[in-house]
PDB file of N, CA and C in Angstrom:
ATOM      1  N   MET A   1      38.703-100.397 -52.156  1.00  0.00           N
ATOM      2  CA  MET A   1      39.074-101.593 -51.972  1.00  0.00           C
ATOM      3  C   MET A   1      40.770-101.659 -52.028  1.00  0.00           C
ATOM      4  N   ALA A   2      40.982-101.475 -53.080  1.00  0.00           N
ATOM      5  CA  ALA A   2      42.828-101.150 -53.545  1.00  0.00           C
ATOM      6  C   ALA A   2      43.372-100.563 -52.127  1.00  0.00           C
ATOM      7  N   ALA A   3      42.846 -99.241 -51.907  1.00  0.00           N
ATOM      8  CA  ALA A   3      43.805 -98.818 -50.333  1.00  0.00           C
ATOM      9  C   ALA A   3      43.550 -99.378 -49.192  1.00  0.00           C
ATOM     10  N   LEU A   4      42.229-100.112 -49.206  1.00  0.00           N
ATOM     11  CA  LEU A   4      42.593-101.170 -47.953  1.00  0.00           C
ATOM     12  C   LEU A   4      43.406-102.504 -48.081  1.00  0.00           C
ATOM     13  N   LEU A   5      43.455-103.112 -49.010  1.00  0.00           N
ATOM     14  CA  LEU A   5      44.294-104.155 -49.214  1.00  0.00           C
ATOM     15  C   LEU A   5      45.463-103.605 -49.107  1.00  0.00           C
ATOM     16  N   GLY A   6      45.714-102.329 -49.697  1.00  0.00           N
ATOM     17  CA  GLY A   6      47.355-101.787 -49.432  1.00  0.00           C
ATOM     18  C   GLY A   6      47.752-101.703 -47.934  1.00  0.00           C
ATOM     19  N   MET A   7      46.748-101.466 -47.269  1.00  0.00           N
ATOM     20  CA  MET A   7      46.783-101.117 -45.798  1.00  0.00           C
ATOM     21  C   MET A   7      47.296-102.314 -45.206  1.00  0.00           C
ATOM     22  N   VAL A   8      46.602-103.507 -45.628  1.00  0.00           N
ATOM     23  CA  VAL A   8      46.825-104.616 -44.291  1.00  0.00           C
ATOM     24  C   VAL A   8      47.571-105.760 -45.419  1.00  0.00           C
ATOM     25  N   GLY A   9      47.955-105.235 -46.686  1.00  0.00           N
ATOM     26  CA  GLY A   9      48.498-106.345 -47.250  1.00  0.00           C
ATOM     27  C   GLY A   9      49.677-106.882 -47.095  1.00  0.00           C
ATOM     28  N   PRO A  10      50.442-107.945 -47.719  1.00  0.00           N
ATOM     29  CA  PRO A  10      51.429-108.784 -47.080  1.00  0.00           C
ATOM     30  C   PRO A  10      52.782-108.101 -47.523  1.00  0.00           C
ATOM     31  N   PHE A  11      52.422-106.683 -48.319  1.00  0.00           N
ATOM     32  CA  PHE A  11      53.633-106.029 -48.495  1.00  0.00           C
ATOM     33  C   PHE A  11      53.838-104.516 -48.039  1.00  0.00           C
ATOM     34  N   SER A  12      52.814-104.559 -46.948  1.00  0.00           N
ATOM     35  CA  SER A  12      52.866-102.999 -46.187  1.00  0.00           C
ATOM     36  C   SER A  12      53.883-102.819 -45.509  1.00  0.00           C
ATOM     37  N   PRO A  13      54.585-101.531 -45.540  1.00  0.00           N
ATOM     38  CA  PRO A  13      55.681-100.999 -44.696  1.00  0.00           C
ATOM     39  C   PRO A  13      55.553-101.423 -43.550  1.00  0.00           C
ATOM     40  N   ALA A  14      54.990-101.409 -42.736  1.00  0.00           N
ATOM     41  CA  ALA A  14      54.714-101.746 -41.312  1.00  0.00           C
ATOM     42  C   ALA A  14      55.392-103.156 -41.315  1.00  0.00           C
ATOM     43  N   LEU A  15      54.809-103.913 -42.152  1.00  0.00           N
ATOM     44  CA  LEU A  15      54.925-105.359 -42.035  1.00  0.00           C
ATOM     45  C   LEU A  15      56.437-105.562 -42.511  1.00  0.00           C
ATOM     46  N   ALA A  16      56.943-104.933 -43.446  1.00  0.00           N
ATOM     47  CA  ALA A  16      58.146-105.521 -43.636  1.00  0.00           C
ATOM     48  C   ALA A  16      59.064-104.782 -42.246  1.00  0.00           C
ATOM     49  N   GLN A  17      59.010-103.642 -42.293  1.00  0.00           N
ATOM     50  CA  GLN A  17      59.695-102.976 -40.672  1.00  0.00           C
ATOM     51  C   GLN A  17      59.876-103.792 -39.475  1.00  0.00           C
ATOM     52  N   GLU A  18      58.243-104.653 -39.210  1.00  0.00           N
ATOM     53  CA  GLU A  18      58.377-105.687 -38.304  1.00  0.00           C
ATOM     54  C   GLU A  18      59.046-106.929 -38.288  1.00  0.00           C
ATOM     55  N   LYS A  19      59.428-107.435 -40.208  1.00  0.00           N
ATOM     56  CA  LYS A  19      60.388-108.285 -40.689  1.00  0.00           C
ATOM     57  C   LYS A  19      61.687-107.627 -40.402  1.00  0.00           C
ATOM     58  N   LEU A  20      62.021-107.173 -40.809  1.00  0.00           N
ATOM     59  CA  LEU A  20      63.169-106.593 -40.222  1.00  0.00           C
ATOM     60  C   LEU A  20      63.774-106.589 -38.739  1.00  0.00           C
ATOM     61  N   LEU A  21      62.986-105.642 -38.118  1.00  0.00           N
ATOM     62  CA  LEU A  21      62.781-106.157 -36.589  1.00  0.00           C
ATOM     63  C   LEU A  21      63.168-107.088 -36.439  1.00  0.00           C
ATOM     64  N   GLU A  22      62.584-108.452 -36.572  1.00  0.00           N
ATOM     65  CA  GLU A  22      62.581-109.774 -36.030  1.00  0.00           C
ATOM     66  C   GLU A  22      63.693-110.265 -36.683  1.00  0.00           C
ATOM     67  N   ARG A  23      64.121-110.137 -38.151  1.00  0.00           N
ATOM     68  CA  ARG A  23      65.159-110.524 -38.467  1.00  0.00           C
ATOM     69  C   ARG A  23      66.685-110.122 -37.889  1.00  0.00           C
ATOM     70  N   GLY A  24      66.684-108.806 -37.033  1.00  0.00           N
ATOM     71  CA  GLY A  24      67.439-108.082 -36.297  1.00  0.00           C
ATOM     72  C   GLY A  24      67.317-108.612 -34.890  1.00  0.00           C
ATOM     73  N   ARG A  25      66.642-108.740 -34.261  1.00  0.00           N
ATOM     74  CA  ARG A  25      66.545-109.587 -32.974  1.00  0.00           C
ATOM     75  C   ARG A  25      67.146-111.005 -32.958  1.00  0.00           C
ATOM     76  N   ASP A  26      66.593-111.309 -34.156  1.00  0.00           N
ATOM     77  CA  ASP A  26      67.191-113.595 -34.352  1.00  0.00           C
ATOM     78  C   ASP A  26      68.870-112.878 -34.439  1.00  0.00           C
ATOM     79  N   LEU A  27      69.386-112.218 -35.242  1.00  0.00           N
ATOM     80  CA  LEU A  27      70.711-111.905 -35.658  1.00  0.00           C
ATOM     81  C   LEU A  27      71.309-111.448 -33.848  1.00  0.00           C
ATOM     82  N   ALA A  28      70.576-110.635 -33.238  1.00  0.00           N
ATOM     83  CA  ALA A  28      71.031-110.025 -31.729  1.00  0.00           C
ATOM     84  C   ALA A  28      71.269-111.748 -31.078  1.00  0.00           C
ATOM     85  N   GLU A  29      70.466-112.668 -30.998  1.00  0.00           N
ATOM     86  CA  GLU A  29      70.010-113.489 -30.401  1.00  0.00           C
ATOM     87  C   GLU A  29      71.118-114.499 -30.563  1.00  0.00           C
ATOM     88  N   GLN A  30      71.326-115.008 -31.689  1.00  0.00           N
ATOM     89  CA  GLN A  30      72.742-115.596 -32.607  1.00  0.00           C
ATOM     90  C   GLN A  30      73.978-115.502 -32.326  1.00  0.00           C
ATOM     91  N   HIS A  31      74.380-114.092 -32.141  1.00  0.00           N
ATOM     92  CA  HIS A  31      75.362-113.671 -31.847  1.00  0.00           C
ATOM     93  C   HIS A  31      76.148-112.462 -31.088  1.00  0.00           C
ATOM     94  N   CYS A  32      75.018-111.945 -30.223  1.00  0.00           N
ATOM     95  CA  CYS A  32      75.081-111.041 -29.042  1.00  0.00           C
ATOM     96  C   CYS A  32      75.127-111.196 -27.254  1.00  0.00           C
ATOM     97  N   VAL A  33      74.054-112.053 -27.375  1.00  0.00           N
ATOM     98  CA  VAL A  33      73.122-112.265 -26.152  1.00  0.00           C
ATOM     99  C   VAL A  33      74.123-112.901 -25.499  1.00  0.00           C
ATOM    100  N   ARG A  34      75.058-113.464 -25.632  1.00  0.00           N
ATOM    101  CA  ARG A  34      76.088-114.543 -24.728  1.00  0.00           C
ATOM    102  C   ARG A  34      76.443-112.939 -23.853  1.00  0.00           C
ATOM    103  N   CYS A  35      76.679-111.769 -24.506  1.00  0.00           N
ATOM    104  CA  CYS A  35      77.658-110.726 -23.914  1.00  0.00           C
ATOM    105  C   CYS A  35      76.752-109.807 -22.800  1.00  0.00           C
ATOM    106  N   HIS A  36      76.038-109.535 -24.642  1.00  0.00           N
ATOM    107  CA  HIS A  36      75.230-108.160 -24.342  1.00  0.00           C
ATOM    108  C   HIS A  36      73.485-108.545 -24.175  1.00  0.00           C
ATOM    109  N   ALA A  37      73.318-107.431 -23.312  1.00  0.00           N
ATOM    110  CA  ALA A  37      71.640-107.212 -23.298  1.00  0.00           C
ATOM    111  C   ALA A  37      70.862-106.832 -24.588  1.00  0.00           C
ATOM    112  N   ILE A  38      70.412-107.778 -24.804  1.00  0.00           N
ATOM    113  CA  ILE A  38      69.447-107.460 -26.082  1.00  0.00           C
ATOM    114  C   ILE A  38      68.251-106.888 -26.118  1.00  0.00           C
ATOM    115  N   GLY A  39      67.280-106.648 -24.855  1.00  0.00           N
ATOM    116  CA  GLY A  39      66.396-106.436 -25.127  1.00  0.00           C
ATOM    117  C   GLY A  39      66.015-104.888 -24.638  1.00  0.00           C
ATOM    118  N   HIS A  40      65.121-104.984 -23.965  1.00  0.00           N
ATOM    119  CA  HIS A  40      64.383-103.354 -23.299  1.00  0.00           C
ATOM    120  C   HIS A  40      64.913-103.043 -21.702  1.00  0.00           C
ATOM    121  N   GLU A  41      65.353-104.516 -21.180  1.00  0.00           N
ATOM    122  CA  GLU A  41      65.179-104.087 -19.992  1.00  0.00           C
ATOM    123  C   GLU A  41      66.275-105.440 -19.323  1.00  0.00           C
ATOM    124  N   ASP A  42      66.649-106.040 -19.743  1.00  0.00           N
ATOM    125  CA  ASP A  42      67.712-107.246 -19.710  1.00  0.00           C
ATOM    126  C   ASP A  42      69.177-106.231 -19.147  1.00  0.00           C
ATOM    127  N   GLU A  43      69.770-107.338 -18.398  1.00  0.00           N
ATOM    128  CA  GLU A  43      71.328-106.908 -18.029  1.00  0.00           C
ATOM    129  C   GLU A  43      72.378-107.362 -18.966  1.00  0.00           C
ATOM    130  N   SER A  44      73.334-106.776 -19.111  1.00  0.00           N
ATOM    131  CA  SER A  44      74.584-107.643 -19.762  1.00  0.00           C
ATOM    132  C   SER A  44      74.684-108.850 -19.136  1.00  0.00           C
ATOM    133  N   ARG A  45      75.764-109.780 -19.547  1.00  0.00           N
ATOM    134  CA  ARG A  45      75.894-110.859 -18.910  1.00  0.00           C
ATOM    135  C   ARG A  45      77.761-110.768 -18.592  1.00  0.00           C
ATOM    136  N   LEU A  46      77.976-109.601 -19.465  1.00  0.00           N
ATOM    137  CA  LEU A  46      79.673-109.588 -19.582  1.00  0.00           C
ATOM    138  C   LEU A  46      79.858-107.869 -19.488  1.00  0.00           C
ATOM    139  N   PRO A  47      80.112-107.524 -18.244  1.00  0.00           N
ATOM    140  CA  PRO A  47      79.941-106.122 -17.522  1.00  0.00           C
ATOM    141  C   PRO A  47      80.423-104.888 -18.147  1.00  0.00           C
ATOM    142  N   GLN A  48      81.484-105.579 -19.215  1.00  0.00           N
ATOM    143  CA  GLN A  48      81.956-104.467 -20.043  1.00  0.00           C
ATOM    144  C   GLN A  48      81.176-104.172 -21.139  1.00  0.00           C
ATOM    145  N   ALA A  49      80.333-105.129 -21.660  1.00  0.00           N
ATOM    146  CA  ALA A  49      79.305-105.456 -22.819  1.00  0.00           C
ATOM    147  C   ALA A  49      78.104-104.587 -23.032  1.00  0.00           C
ATOM    148  N   PRO A  50      78.294-103.426 -23.591  1.00  0.00           N
ATOM    149  CA  PRO A  50      77.093-102.346 -23.135  1.00  0.00           C
ATOM    150  C   PRO A  50      75.567-102.994 -23.947  1.00  0.00           C
ATOM    151  N   PRO A  51      74.791-102.969 -23.038  1.00  0.00           N
ATOM    152  CA  PRO A  51      73.153-103.215 -23.615  1.00  0.00           C
ATOM    153  C   PRO A  51      72.969-102.660 -25.052  1.00  0.00           C
ATOM    154  N   LEU A  52      72.598-103.188 -25.990  1.00  0.00           N
ATOM    155  CA  LEU A  52      72.437-102.717 -27.294  1.00  0.00           C
ATOM    156  C   LEU A  52      71.172-101.732 -27.231  1.00  0.00           C
ATOM    157  N   ARG A  53      70.599-101.625 -26.358  1.00  0.00           N
ATOM    158  CA  ARG A  53      69.867-100.351 -26.262  1.00  0.00           C
ATOM    159  C   ARG A  53      70.363 -99.117 -25.900  1.00  0.00           C
ATOM    160  N   GLU A  54      71.864 -99.274 -25.297  1.00  0.00           N
ATOM    161  CA  GLU A  54      72.840 -97.676 -25.219  1.00  0.00           C
ATOM    162  C   GLU A  54      73.505 -97.954 -26.557  1.00  0.00           C
ATOM    163  N   LEU A  55      73.553 -98.484 -27.354  1.00  0.00           N
ATOM    164  CA  LEU A  55      74.693 -98.097 -28.468  1.00  0.00           C
ATOM    165  C   LEU A  55      74.204 -97.062 -29.680  1.00  0.00           C
ATOM    166  N   ARG A  56      72.816 -96.806 -29.282  1.00  0.00           N
ATOM    167  CA  ARG A  56      72.088 -95.200 -30.103  1.00  0.00           C
ATOM    168  C   ARG A  56      72.613 -94.356 -29.235  1.00  0.00           C
ATOM    169  N   SER A  57      72.503 -94.157 -28.114  1.00  0.00           N
ATOM    170  CA  SER A  57      73.245 -93.255 -27.636  1.00  0.00           C
ATOM    171  C   SER A  57      74.563 -92.825 -27.600  1.00  0.00           C
ATOM    172  N   ARG A  58      75.457 -93.886 -27.743  1.00  0.00           N
ATOM    173  CA  ARG A  58      76.891 -93.722 -27.956  1.00  0.00           C
ATOM    174  C   ARG A  58      76.867 -93.162 -29.391  1.00  0.00           C
ATOM    175  N   TYR A  59      76.850 -94.100 -30.204  1.00  0.00           N
ATOM    176  CA  TYR A  59      77.003 -94.125 -31.493  1.00  0.00           C
ATOM    177  C   TYR A  59      75.964 -93.514 -32.515  1.00  0.00           C
ATOM    178  N   PRO A  60      76.329 -92.992 -33.543  1.00  0.00           N
ATOM    179  CA  PRO A  60      75.115 -93.060 -34.548  1.00  0.00           C
ATOM    180  C   PRO A  60      75.316 -94.111 -35.255  1.00  0.00           C
ATOM    181  N   VAL A  61      73.967 -94.738 -35.111  1.00  0.00           N
ATOM    182  CA  VAL A  61      73.633 -95.880 -35.059  1.00  0.00           C
ATOM    183  C   VAL A  61      74.410 -96.411 -36.792  1.00  0.00           C
ATOM    184  N   GLU A  62      73.751 -95.490 -37.584  1.00  0.00           N
ATOM    185  CA  GLU A  62      74.577 -95.923 -38.661  1.00  0.00           C
ATOM    186  C   GLU A  62      75.804 -95.730 -39.064  1.00  0.00           C
ATOM    187  N   ASN A  63      76.809 -95.380 -38.475  1.00  0.00           N
ATOM    188  CA  ASN A  63      78.385 -95.572 -38.126  1.00  0.00           C
ATOM    189  C   ASN A  63      78.792 -97.092 -38.031  1.00  0.00           C
ATOM    190  N   LEU A  64      77.779 -97.693 -37.426  1.00  0.00           N
ATOM    191  CA  LEU A  64      78.280 -99.223 -36.981  1.00  0.00           C
ATOM    192  C   LEU A  64      78.274 -99.946 -38.442  1.00  0.00           C
ATOM    193  N   ALA A  65      77.424 -99.630 -39.488  1.00  0.00           N
ATOM    194  CA  ALA A  65      77.234-100.332 -40.749  1.00  0.00           C
ATOM    195  C   ALA A  65      78.711-101.189 -41.018  1.00  0.00           C
ATOM    196  N   GLU A  66      79.546-100.001 -41.087  1.00  0.00           N
ATOM    197  CA  GLU A  66      80.773 -99.913 -41.557  1.00  0.00           C
ATOM    198  C   GLU A  66      81.650-101.099 -40.545  1.00  0.00           C
ATOM    199  N   ALA A  67      81.657-100.742 -39.351  1.00  0.00           N
ATOM    200  CA  ALA A  67      82.248-101.938 -38.736  1.00  0.00           C
ATOM    201  C   ALA A  67      81.425-103.334 -38.841  1.00  0.00           C
ATOM    202  N   PHE A  68      80.231-103.513 -38.580  1.00  0.00           N
ATOM    203  CA  PHE A  68      79.293-104.473 -38.932  1.00  0.00           C
ATOM    204  C   PHE A  68      80.043-105.434 -40.390  1.00  0.00           C
ATOM    205  N   ALA A  69      80.509-104.637 -41.138  1.00  0.00           N
ATOM    206  CA  ALA A  69      80.491-105.014 -42.667  1.00  0.00           C
ATOM    207  C   ALA A  69      81.879-105.596 -42.760  1.00  0.00           C
ATOM    208  N   GLU A  70      82.946-104.993 -42.168  1.00  0.00           N
ATOM    209  CA  GLU A  70      84.677-105.378 -42.385  1.00  0.00           C
ATOM    210  C   GLU A  70      84.736-105.741 -40.748  1.00  0.00           C
ATOM    211  N   GLY A  71      83.921-106.546 -39.621  1.00  0.00           N
ATOM    212  CA  GLY A  71      84.483-107.103 -38.518  1.00  0.00           C
ATOM    213  C   GLY A  71      84.725-106.048 -37.425  1.00  0.00           C
ATOM    214  N   ILE A  72      83.882-106.067 -36.397  1.00  0.00           N
ATOM    215  CA  ILE A  72      83.836-105.170 -35.493  1.00  0.00           C
ATOM    216  C   ILE A  72      85.257-105.897 -34.537  1.00  0.00           C
ATOM    217  N   VAL A  73      85.899-104.991 -34.306  1.00  0.00           N
ATOM    218  CA  VAL A  73      87.204-105.198 -33.524  1.00  0.00           C
ATOM    219  C   VAL A  73      86.925-104.281 -31.998  1.00  0.00           C
ATOM    220  N   THR A  74      87.089-104.562 -30.950  1.00  0.00           N
ATOM    221  CA  THR A  74      87.161-103.573 -29.815  1.00  0.00           C
ATOM    222  C   THR A  74      88.428-103.849 -29.320  1.00  0.00           C
ATOM    223  N   ALA A  75      88.702-103.037 -27.904  1.00  0.00           N
ATOM    224  CA  ALA A  75      89.657-102.711 -27.151  1.00  0.00           C
ATOM    225  C   ALA A  75      89.592-104.343 -26.290  1.00  0.00           C
ATOM    226  N   HIS A  76      88.776-104.807 -25.910  1.00  0.00           N
ATOM    227  CA  HIS A  76      88.654-105.924 -25.050  1.00  0.00           C
ATOM    228  C   HIS A  76      88.878-107.282 -25.518  1.00  0.00           C
ATOM    229  N   PRO A  77      89.485-107.978 -25.428  1.00  0.00           N
ATOM    230  CA  PRO A  77      89.606-109.365 -26.103  1.00  0.00           C
ATOM    231  C   PRO A  77      88.894-109.979 -26.390  1.00  0.00           C
ATOM    232  N   ALA A  78      88.050-110.170 -25.218  1.00  0.00           N
ATOM    233  CA  ALA A  78      86.495-110.934 -25.112  1.00  0.00           C
ATOM    234  C   ALA A  78      85.623-110.912 -26.307  1.00  0.00           C
ATOM    235  N   MET A  79      85.639-109.715 -27.250  1.00  0.00           N
ATOM    236  CA  MET A  79      84.699-109.238 -28.295  1.00  0.00           C
ATOM    237  C   MET A  79      84.946-110.490 -29.215  1.00  0.00           C
ATOM    238  N   PRO A  80      84.461-111.440 -29.791  1.00  0.00           N
ATOM    239  CA  PRO A  80      84.614-112.199 -30.378  1.00  0.00           C
ATOM    240  C   PRO A  80      84.458-111.074 -32.088  1.00  0.00           C
ATOM    241  N   GLU A  81      85.268-111.306 -33.169  1.00  0.00           N
ATOM    242  CA  GLU A  81      84.986-110.544 -34.274  1.00  0.00           C
ATOM    243  C   GLU A  81      84.075-111.263 -35.333  1.00  0.00           C
ATOM    244  N   PHE A  82      83.301-110.357 -35.574  1.00  0.00           N
ATOM    245  CA  PHE A  82      82.108-110.276 -36.322  1.00  0.00           C
ATOM    246  C   PHE A  82      81.964-109.850 -37.424  1.00  0.00           C
ATOM    247  N   SER A  83      81.469-110.468 -38.868  1.00  0.00           N
ATOM    248  CA  SER A  83      81.421-109.593 -40.081  1.00  0.00           C
ATOM    249  C   SER A  83      79.635-110.227 -40.572  1.00  0.00           C
ATOM    250  N   PHE A  84      79.197-109.371 -40.890  1.00  0.00           N
ATOM    251  CA  PHE A  84      77.651-109.861 -41.598  1.00  0.00           C
ATOM    252  C   PHE A  84      77.563-109.289 -42.909  1.00  0.00           C
ATOM    253  N   GLU A  85      76.862-109.481 -43.677  1.00  0.00           N
ATOM    254  CA  GLU A  85      76.467-109.133 -44.763  1.00  0.00           C
ATOM    255  C   GLU A  85      75.285-107.899 -44.762  1.00  0.00           C
ATOM    256  N   THR A  86      75.438-107.719 -45.977  1.00  0.00           N
ATOM    257  CA  THR A  86      74.167-106.308 -46.072  1.00  0.00           C
ATOM    258  C   THR A  86      73.053-105.992 -45.657  1.00  0.00           C
ATOM    259  N   PRO A  87      72.382-107.218 -45.877  1.00  0.00           N
ATOM    260  CA  PRO A  87      70.819-107.781 -45.473  1.00  0.00           C
ATOM    261  C   PRO A  87      70.684-107.914 -43.934  1.00  0.00           C
ATOM    262  N   GLN A  88      71.936-108.543 -43.449  1.00  0.00           N
ATOM    263  CA  GLN A  88      72.050-108.762 -42.297  1.00  0.00           C
ATOM    264  C   GLN A  88      72.488-107.146 -41.050  1.00  0.00           C
ATOM    265  N   ILE A  89      73.360-106.504 -41.778  1.00  0.00           N
ATOM    266  CA  ILE A  89      73.468-105.512 -40.993  1.00  0.00           C
ATOM    267  C   ILE A  89      72.238-104.542 -40.830  1.00  0.00           C
ATOM    268  N   GLU A  90      71.478-104.464 -41.928  1.00  0.00           N
ATOM    269  CA  GLU A  90      70.408-103.390 -42.179  1.00  0.00           C
ATOM    270  C   GLU A  90      69.916-104.124 -41.075  1.00  0.00           C
ATOM    271  N   ALA A  91      69.235-105.729 -40.706  1.00  0.00           N
ATOM    272  CA  ALA A  91      68.340-105.909 -40.271  1.00  0.00           C
ATOM    273  C   ALA A  91      68.773-105.358 -38.763  1.00  0.00           C
ATOM    274  N   LEU A  92      69.901-105.911 -38.684  1.00  0.00           N
ATOM    275  CA  LEU A  92      70.907-105.471 -37.125  1.00  0.00           C
ATOM    276  C   LEU A  92      70.294-103.838 -36.583  1.00  0.00           C
ATOM    277  N   LEU A  93      71.132-103.305 -37.221  1.00  0.00           N
ATOM    278  CA  LEU A  93      71.170-101.760 -37.155  1.00  0.00           C
ATOM    279  C   LEU A  93      69.437-101.150 -36.789  1.00  0.00           C
ATOM    280  N   ALA A  94      68.637-101.857 -37.735  1.00  0.00           N
ATOM    281  CA  ALA A  94      67.195-101.292 -37.335  1.00  0.00           C
ATOM    282  C   ALA A  94      66.716-101.538 -35.927  1.00  0.00           C
ATOM    283  N   TYR A  95      66.948-103.040 -35.727  1.00  0.00           N
ATOM    284  CA  TYR A  95      66.422-103.991 -33.969  1.00  0.00           C
ATOM    285  C   TYR A  95      67.267-102.889 -33.269  1.00  0.00           C
ATOM    286  N   ILE A  96      68.610-102.558 -33.540  1.00  0.00           N
ATOM    287  CA  ILE A  96      69.573-101.532 -32.564  1.00  0.00           C
ATOM    288  C   ILE A  96      68.967 -99.947 -32.324  1.00  0.00           C
ATOM    289  N   ASP A  97      68.729 -99.675 -33.490  1.00  0.00           N
ATOM    290  CA  ASP A  97      68.063 -98.357 -33.755  1.00  0.00           C
ATOM    291  C   ASP A  97      66.779 -98.301 -32.597  1.00  0.00           C
ATOM    292  N   ASN A  98      66.024 -99.514 -33.024  1.00  0.00           N
ATOM    293  CA  ASN A  98      64.418 -99.666 -32.414  1.00  0.00           C
ATOM    294  C   ASN A  98      64.748 -99.684 -31.060  1.00  0.00           C
ATOM    295  N   LEU A  99      65.492-100.221 -30.489  1.00  0.00           N
ATOM    296  CA  LEU A  99      65.884-100.502 -29.004  1.00  0.00           C
ATOM    297  C   LEU A  99      66.353 -98.972 -28.665  1.00  0.00           C
ATOM    298  N   GLY A 100      67.241 -98.573 -29.399  1.00  0.00           N
ATOM    299  CA  GLY A 100      67.481 -97.199 -28.437  1.00  0.00           C
ATOM    300  C   GLY A 100      66.328 -96.279 -28.590  1.00  0.00           C
ATOM    301  N   LYS A 101      65.343 -95.867 -29.419  1.00  0.00           N
ATOM    302  CA  LYS A 101      64.314 -95.217 -29.857  1.00  0.00           C
ATOM    303  C   LYS A 101      63.520 -95.343 -28.320  1.00  0.00           C
ATOM    304  N   ALA A 102      63.057 -96.630 -28.178  1.00  0.00           N
ATOM    305  CA  ALA A 102      62.516 -96.915 -27.147  1.00  0.00           C
ATOM    306  C   ALA A 102      63.138 -96.556 -25.690  1.00  0.00           C
ATOM    307  N   GLU A 103      64.535 -96.616 -25.761  1.00  0.00           N
ATOM    308  CA  GLU A 103      64.889 -96.351 -24.493  1.00  0.00           C
ATOM    309  C   GLU A 103      64.855 -94.835 -24.129  1.00  0.00           C
ATOM    310  N   GLN A 104      64.695 -94.169 -25.282  1.00  0.00           N
ATOM    311  CA  GLN A 104      64.913 -92.104 -25.023  1.00  0.00           C
ATOM    312  C   GLN A 104      63.589 -91.973 -24.692  1.00  0.00           C
ATOM    313  N   ARG A 105      62.501 -92.825 -24.518  1.00  0.00           N
ATOM    314  CA  ARG A 105      61.302 -92.327 -24.659  1.00  0.00           C
ATOM    315  C   ARG A 105      60.738 -92.188 -23.230  1.00  0.00           C
TER     316      ARG A 105
END
């Protein structure tokens, strides 16, 4: 019985991962969607803004953590500077990584 509860209980790893991805998508919707595609098939609104799903193939996702923490600065002036707290970074990176994995299938 305890093993069964562990599989479907509120603290299951699958549920925790799902919540993390939801938070990451929420952050992408709040901060990224006005320029970047944030889904599996949508197009970026700004041509020079790569879809988030492509970032995993361009950069090691874990290397983006420092940029998110210190403020992302890019070569084009349209990109606003963002900085995030550690839990936000973890959620956004998990979401980007998950999008990229789906893209590679």
